[in-house]
């Protein structure tokens, strides 16, 4: 509770700074929200649904490599539930913990489902950063471009080295030895299982490539979702701007320092919008609209969580047991 209170305080301070220092005309924010264009807003909402489908489809492919088979619709529901928990757990990561537990088979280690989540998140962010680097290389110009380009390239390099280290047996062995002392022995075993789950993707190139393709479609869809929010607000910024801003904001919002990213979202948007000569009011209206969608889908996820009776793996196990029992009955009757 203390950490939650600190995060709420941090969000309050950041939002106060944005509204009291950076925003010159608070009434303009309300005017922009009142003048939202419904057609591009509807397209943005539709792209959010498309994103849910693509996310679940990619997740399903990655799970199958681990021997975890689930139907698509329960995975979509699990994504909605994850969105609900993202509202108050560490931003964009807390919901992943819930999804990992949703796909853990009874009595088995969490290493495999969480290995899937790590591959999903790392590959997704890597793809986003590649899209940002592509937009920068293709000539998207703005003040401070060189610093942003170096930042994107640095993040890509760090992620590449970090991801590669997960597949190096000697490094994993050293980490296991360090953790094998005292009360951390269970964690040492988890590290080994986690490493083994990741190496399965190296021996399954076709499904992994398909998952990467679905992930690329998902990230393009993700950027376009925000592009249409900008259109709904009447902000005349091209898609290339969002292909740079959205990846950088995704990295920023992974920091678990505020409540549901509030404050970081508004402040980050102000910085990027001002680089393009746009107003703080437009940036805050953009942040408010995007968060309203996140909140709406999170509330839907809360209802799904409250009323669902089983997780995706529990449903799959029940349906397989029912099918097996029916086959036995039919064999007996035959």
Protein backbone atom coordinates (compact mmCIF):
# COMPACT_ATOMS: atom_id res chain seq x y z
CA UNK A 1 0.00 0.00 0.00
CA UNK A 2 2.90 2.35 0.75
CA UNK A 3 4.34 1.88 -2.75
CA UNK A 4 0.91 2.47 -4.27
CA UNK A 5 0.59 5.68 -2.28
CA UNK A 6 3.98 6.87 -3.51
CA UNK A 7 2.98 6.16 -7.12
CA UNK A 8 -0.31 8.02 -6.73
CA UNK A 9 1.58 10.94 -5.20
CA UNK A 10 4.08 10.87 -8.08
CA UNK A 11 1.27 10.89 -10.63
CA UNK A 12 -0.41 13.79 -8.84
CA UNK A 13 2.77 15.85 -8.76
CA UNK A 14 3.56 15.25 -12.44
CA UNK A 15 0.02 16.03 -13.58
CA UNK A 16 0.00 19.16 -11.42
CA UNK A 17 3.27 20.29 -12.99
CA UNK A 18 1.91 19.73 -16.50
CA UNK A 19 -1.40 21.52 -15.84
CA UNK A 20 -0.03 24.39 -13.74
CA UNK A 21 3.30 25.05 -15.47
CA UNK A 22 3.24 23.71 -19.02
CA UNK A 23 -0.42 24.26 -19.95
CA UNK A 24 -1.29 27.88 -20.67
CA UNK A 25 -5.03 27.50 -21.34
CA UNK A 26 -6.71 24.60 -19.48
CA UNK A 27 -10.04 25.49 -21.04
CA UNK A 28 -8.58 24.71 -24.46
CA UNK A 29 -8.13 21.06 -23.39
CA UNK A 30 -11.85 20.73 -22.67
CA UNK A 31 -12.67 22.47 -25.95
CA UNK A 32 -10.51 20.01 -27.90
CA UNK A 33 -12.18 17.06 -26.18
CA UNK A 34 -15.62 18.50 -26.89
CA UNK A 35 -14.74 18.85 -30.58
CA UNK A 36 -13.55 15.27 -31.06
CA UNK A 37 -14.19 13.96 -34.57
CA UNK A 38 -16.17 10.77 -34.22
CA UNK A 39 -15.14 8.98 -37.43
CA UNK A 40 -11.38 8.84 -36.77
CA UNK A 41 -12.15 8.16 -33.09
CA UNK A 42 -14.28 5.17 -34.12
CA UNK A 43 -11.45 3.95 -36.37
CA UNK A 44 -9.04 4.22 -33.43
CA UNK A 45 -11.37 2.20 -31.18
CA UNK A 46 -11.76 -0.40 -33.95
CA UNK A 47 -7.98 -0.68 -34.24
CA UNK A 48 -7.86 -1.38 -30.50
CA UNK A 49 -10.13 -4.40 -31.09
CA UNK A 50 -7.91 -5.49 -33.99
CA UNK A 51 -4.93 -5.18 -31.66
CA UNK A 52 -6.58 -7.47 -29.12
CA UNK A 53 -7.12 -10.12 -31.79
CA UNK A 54 -3.56 -9.87 -33.14
CA UNK A 55 -2.14 -9.95 -29.60
CA UNK A 56 -4.08 -13.09 -28.72
CA UNK A 57 -3.18 -14.77 -32.04
CA UNK A 58 0.54 -14.09 -31.50
CA UNK A 59 0.32 -15.26 -27.88
CA UNK A 60 -1.37 -18.49 -28.98
CA UNK A 61 1.39 -19.29 -31.49
CA UNK A 62 4.10 -18.69 -28.87
CA UNK A 63 2.25 -20.79 -26.28
CA UNK A 64 1.91 -23.72 -28.67
CA UNK A 65 5.68 -23.90 -29.04
CA UNK A 66 5.76 -24.45 -25.26
CA UNK A 67 3.15 -27.21 -25.47
CA UNK A 68 0.39 -24.98 -24.06
CA UNK A 69 -2.69 -25.04 -26.27
CA UNK A 70 -5.53 -22.56 -25.69
CA UNK A 71 -8.42 -21.31 -27.77
CA UNK A 72 -8.24 -17.79 -29.16
CA UNK A 73 -11.27 -16.24 -27.44
CA UNK A 74 -10.18 -17.13 -23.87
CA UNK A 75 -6.81 -15.55 -24.65
CA UNK A 76 -8.55 -12.37 -25.83
CA UNK A 77 -10.43 -12.36 -22.52
CA UNK A 78 -7.16 -12.85 -20.64
CA UNK A 79 -5.71 -9.82 -22.45
CA UNK A 80 -8.70 -7.78 -21.29
CA UNK A 81 -8.17 -9.01 -17.73
CA UNK A 82 -4.49 -8.06 -18.00
CA UNK A 83 -5.55 -4.57 -19.11
CA UNK A 84 -7.69 -4.30 -15.98
CA UNK A 85 -4.76 -5.18 -13.70
CA UNK A 86 -2.50 -2.81 -15.63
CA UNK A 87 -4.60 0.03 -14.28
CA UNK A 88 -3.19 -0.35 -10.78
CA UNK A 89 -0.29 -2.80 -10.97
CA UNK A 90 3.12 -1.67 -12.35
CA UNK A 91 2.31 -0.09 -15.70
CA UNK A 92 2.13 -2.42 -18.74
CA UNK A 93 3.91 -5.15 -16.78
CA UNK A 94 1.52 -6.03 -13.97
CA UNK A 95 -1.08 -7.36 -16.37
CA UNK A 96 1.57 -9.62 -17.92
CA UNK A 97 2.00 -11.37 -14.57
CA UNK A 98 -1.72 -12.12 -14.52
CA UNK A 99 -1.64 -13.43 -18.10
CA UNK A 100 1.32 -15.66 -17.24
CA UNK A 101 -0.61 -17.21 -14.36
CA UNK A 102 -3.65 -17.59 -16.63
CA UNK A 103 -1.68 -19.91 -18.93
CA UNK A 104 0.12 -21.92 -16.26
CA UNK A 105 -0.91 -25.55 -16.16
CA UNK A 106 -1.85 -26.88 -12.74
CA UNK A 107 1.15 -28.27 -10.89
CA UNK A 108 3.67 -27.02 -13.47
CA UNK A 109 6.33 -24.32 -13.28
CA UNK A 110 5.56 -20.74 -14.26
CA UNK A 111 8.79 -20.65 -16.30
CA UNK A 112 7.20 -21.60 -19.63
CA UNK A 113 4.22 -19.19 -19.61
CA UNK A 114 6.41 -16.36 -18.35
CA UNK A 115 9.05 -17.20 -20.96
CA UNK A 116 6.32 -16.65 -23.54
CA UNK A 117 5.47 -13.26 -22.03
CA UNK A 118 9.13 -12.18 -22.09
CA UNK A 119 9.55 -13.21 -25.74
CA UNK A 120 6.30 -11.45 -26.58
CA UNK A 121 7.25 -8.19 -24.86
CA UNK A 122 10.89 -8.06 -25.96
CA UNK A 123 10.10 -8.86 -29.61
CA UNK A 124 7.23 -6.35 -29.62
CA UNK A 125 9.29 -3.51 -28.21
CA UNK A 126 12.19 -4.41 -30.51
CA UNK A 127 9.84 -4.20 -33.51
CA UNK A 128 8.48 -0.84 -32.34
CA UNK A 129 11.99 0.57 -32.01
CA UNK A 130 12.89 -0.74 -35.47
CA UNK A 131 9.83 1.07 -36.85
CA UNK A 132 10.98 4.25 -35.10
CA UNK A 133 14.49 3.88 -36.52
CA UNK A 134 12.99 3.30 -39.98
CA UNK A 135 10.91 6.47 -39.75
CA UNK A 136 13.98 8.45 -38.68
CA UNK A 137 16.09 6.97 -41.48
CA UNK A 138 13.45 7.77 -44.09
CA UNK A 139 13.79 11.47 -43.43
CA UNK A 140 11.35 12.40 -40.63
CA UNK A 141 12.75 15.70 -39.37
CA UNK A 142 12.27 17.51 -36.07
CA UNK A 143 14.40 19.43 -33.54
CA UNK A 144 16.54 17.06 -31.49
CA UNK A 145 16.38 14.29 -34.10
CA UNK A 146 20.01 13.30 -33.57
CA UNK A 147 19.54 12.74 -29.82
CA UNK A 148 16.36 10.71 -30.35
CA UNK A 149 18.03 8.62 -33.07
CA UNK A 150 20.96 7.85 -30.79
CA UNK A 151 18.51 6.97 -28.00
CA UNK A 152 16.56 4.56 -30.21
CA UNK A 153 19.76 2.97 -31.54
CA UNK A 154 21.11 2.63 -28.00
CA UNK A 155 17.93 0.94 -26.77
CA UNK A 156 18.01 -1.46 -29.74
CA UNK A 157 21.62 -2.37 -29.01
CA UNK A 158 20.96 -2.87 -25.30
CA UNK A 159 17.91 -5.02 -26.01
CA UNK A 160 19.82 -7.09 -28.58
CA UNK A 161 22.66 -7.79 -26.13
CA UNK A 162 20.22 -8.50 -23.29
CA UNK A 163 18.10 -10.88 -25.39
CA UNK A 164 21.19 -12.66 -26.73
CA UNK A 165 22.50 -13.22 -23.19
CA UNK A 166 19.34 -15.16 -22.33
CA UNK A 167 20.34 -17.79 -24.91
CA UNK A 168 24.01 -18.17 -23.81
CA UNK A 169 24.27 -21.34 -21.66
CA UNK A 170 27.47 -20.31 -19.87
CA UNK A 171 25.95 -17.01 -18.69
CA UNK A 172 22.81 -18.80 -17.53
CA UNK A 173 25.00 -21.35 -15.73
CA UNK A 174 26.90 -18.62 -13.90
CA UNK A 175 23.64 -16.99 -12.81
CA UNK A 176 22.32 -20.35 -11.59
CA UNK A 177 25.46 -20.92 -9.50
CA UNK A 178 25.13 -17.49 -7.92
CA UNK A 179 21.48 -18.17 -7.06
CA UNK A 180 22.06 -21.73 -5.86
CA UNK A 181 23.31 -20.56 -2.46
CA UNK A 182 20.89 -20.43 0.44
CA UNK A 183 17.23 -19.49 0.09
CA UNK A 184 17.51 -18.63 -3.63
CA UNK A 185 17.79 -22.25 -4.79
CA UNK A 186 14.26 -22.34 -6.13
CA UNK A 187 14.99 -19.22 -8.17
CA UNK A 188 18.08 -20.96 -9.61
CA UNK A 189 15.88 -23.82 -10.82
CA UNK A 190 13.43 -21.32 -12.32
CA UNK A 191 16.25 -19.62 -14.27
CA UNK A 192 17.21 -22.97 -15.81
CA UNK A 193 13.62 -23.78 -16.76
CA UNK A 194 13.16 -20.27 -18.13
CA UNK A 195 16.29 -20.62 -20.30
CA UNK A 196 15.09 -24.00 -21.59
CA UNK A 197 11.70 -22.51 -22.51
CA UNK A 198 13.38 -19.77 -24.55
CA UNK A 199 15.62 -22.19 -26.45
CA UNK A 200 12.52 -23.96 -27.78
CA UNK A 201 11.94 -21.00 -30.11
CA UNK A 202 15.37 -21.48 -31.68
CA UNK A 203 14.33 -25.02 -32.63
CA UNK A 204 10.89 -23.89 -33.90
CA UNK A 205 11.75 -21.27 -36.56
CA UNK A 206 8.49 -21.44 -38.55
CA UNK A 207 6.03 -20.75 -35.71
CA UNK A 208 8.43 -18.20 -34.24
CA UNK A 209 8.64 -16.40 -37.60
CA UNK A 210 4.83 -16.42 -37.82
CA UNK A 211 4.63 -14.96 -34.32
CA UNK A 212 7.10 -12.23 -35.31
CA UNK A 213 5.01 -11.43 -38.40
CA UNK A 214 1.84 -11.15 -36.31
CA UNK A 215 3.80 -9.00 -33.87
CA UNK A 216 4.92 -6.65 -36.65
CA UNK A 217 1.30 -6.25 -37.79
CA UNK A 218 0.32 -5.61 -34.17
CA UNK A 219 2.90 -2.84 -33.69
CA UNK A 220 1.92 -1.08 -36.93
CA UNK A 221 -1.71 -1.33 -35.80
CA UNK A 222 -0.69 0.06 -32.39
CA UNK A 223 0.93 3.13 -33.95
CA UNK A 224 -2.01 3.74 -36.30
CA UNK A 225 -4.37 3.55 -33.32
CA UNK A 226 -2.65 6.63 -31.88
CA UNK A 227 -2.41 8.31 -35.27
CA UNK A 228 -6.21 8.24 -35.53
CA UNK A 229 -6.57 9.65 -32.02
CA UNK A 230 -4.51 12.60 -33.26
CA UNK A 231 -6.80 12.95 -36.28
CA UNK A 232 -9.83 12.83 -34.00
CA UNK A 233 -8.42 15.81 -32.10
CA UNK A 234 -7.63 17.67 -35.33
CA UNK A 235 -3.86 17.57 -34.69
CA UNK A 236 -2.13 17.87 -38.10
CA UNK A 237 0.79 15.52 -37.49
CA UNK A 238 1.75 12.79 -39.96
CA UNK A 239 1.98 9.07 -39.26
CA UNK A 240 5.81 9.31 -39.26
CA UNK A 241 5.63 11.38 -36.06
CA UNK A 242 3.68 8.63 -34.29
CA UNK A 243 6.07 5.94 -35.55
CA UNK A 244 8.75 7.78 -33.55
CA UNK A 245 6.76 8.98 -30.54
CA UNK A 246 4.82 5.81 -29.74
CA UNK A 247 7.88 3.54 -29.32
CA UNK A 248 9.62 6.09 -27.10
CA UNK A 249 6.49 6.56 -25.02
CA UNK A 250 6.15 2.77 -24.71
CA UNK A 251 9.60 2.62 -23.15
CA UNK A 252 8.81 5.54 -20.83
CA UNK A 253 5.52 4.03 -19.66
CA UNK A 254 7.23 0.79 -18.65
CA UNK A 255 8.78 2.64 -15.71
CA UNK A 256 6.81 1.58 -12.59
CA UNK A 257 7.04 4.99 -10.92
CA UNK A 258 3.49 6.33 -11.29
CA UNK A 259 -0.07 5.05 -10.98
CA UNK A 260 -1.10 3.53 -14.33
CA UNK A 261 1.40 5.77 -16.13
CA UNK A 262 -0.54 8.92 -15.21
CA UNK A 263 1.73 11.95 -15.26
CA UNK A 264 4.41 10.22 -17.33
CA UNK A 265 1.93 9.91 -20.20
CA UNK A 266 0.95 13.58 -20.11
CA UNK A 267 4.49 14.89 -19.58
CA UNK A 268 5.98 12.70 -22.31
CA UNK A 269 3.33 13.71 -24.80
CA UNK A 270 3.94 17.39 -24.04
CA UNK A 271 7.66 16.99 -24.79
CA UNK A 272 7.07 15.28 -28.14
CA UNK A 273 4.23 17.56 -29.24
CA UNK A 274 6.27 20.66 -28.43
CA UNK A 275 9.16 19.31 -30.53
CA UNK A 276 6.77 19.52 -33.47
CA UNK A 277 5.56 23.00 -32.58
CA UNK A 278 2.22 21.80 -31.18
CA UNK A 279 0.69 23.04 -27.94
CA UNK A 280 0.70 21.50 -24.48
CA UNK A 281 -3.09 21.62 -24.54
CA UNK A 282 -3.18 19.34 -27.59
CA UNK A 283 -0.72 16.96 -25.93
CA UNK A 284 -2.78 16.70 -22.74
CA UNK A 285 -6.02 16.24 -24.70
CA UNK A 286 -4.27 13.47 -26.67
CA UNK A 287 -3.12 11.80 -23.45
CA UNK A 288 -6.59 12.09 -21.90
CA UNK A 289 -8.27 10.52 -24.94
CA UNK A 290 -5.82 7.63 -25.14
CA UNK A 291 -6.09 6.95 -21.41
CA UNK A 292 -9.89 7.07 -21.60
CA UNK A 293 -9.74 4.19 -24.09
CA UNK A 294 -7.31 2.25 -21.90
CA UNK A 295 -9.59 2.83 -18.92
CA UNK A 296 -12.71 1.74 -20.85
CA UNK A 297 -11.10 -1.52 -22.01
CA UNK A 298 -9.68 -2.03 -18.51
CA UNK A 299 -13.16 -1.75 -17.00
CA UNK A 300 -14.43 -4.31 -19.51
CA UNK A 301 -11.54 -6.54 -18.42
CA UNK A 302 -12.61 -6.09 -14.80
CA UNK A 303 -16.09 -7.39 -15.62
CA UNK A 304 -14.58 -10.33 -17.53
CA UNK A 305 -12.40 -11.14 -14.52
CA UNK A 306 -15.34 -10.91 -12.12
CA UNK A 307 -17.65 -13.18 -14.12
CA UNK A 308 -15.37 -15.69 -15.85
CA UNK A 309 -15.30 -19.09 -14.22
CA UNK A 310 -12.02 -20.48 -15.54
CA UNK A 311 -8.68 -19.47 -17.02
CA UNK A 312 -7.73 -20.33 -20.64
CA UNK A 313 -5.76 -23.45 -19.61
CA UNK A 314 -8.51 -24.58 -17.24
CA UNK A 315 -11.06 -24.28 -20.03
CA UNK A 316 -8.84 -26.20 -22.42
CA UNK A 317 -8.31 -28.97 -19.83
CA UNK A 318 -12.05 -29.21 -19.17
CA UNK A 319 -12.92 -29.41 -22.87
CA UNK A 320 -10.26 -32.06 -23.49
CA UNK A 321 -11.51 -34.12 -20.55
CA UNK A 322 -15.09 -33.84 -21.83
CA UNK A 323 -14.05 -34.85 -25.35
CA UNK A 324 -12.06 -37.80 -23.98
CA UNK A 325 -15.00 -38.97 -21.86
CA UNK A 326 -17.35 -38.73 -24.85
CA UNK A 327 -14.93 -40.73 -27.02
CA UNK A 328 -14.78 -43.45 -24.36
CA UNK A 329 -18.57 -43.62 -24.15
CA UNK A 330 -18.86 -43.85 -27.92
CA UNK A 331 -16.22 -46.61 -27.94
CA UNK A 332 -18.11 -48.54 -25.28
CA UNK A 333 -21.40 -48.17 -27.16
CA UNK A 334 -19.71 -49.28 -30.39
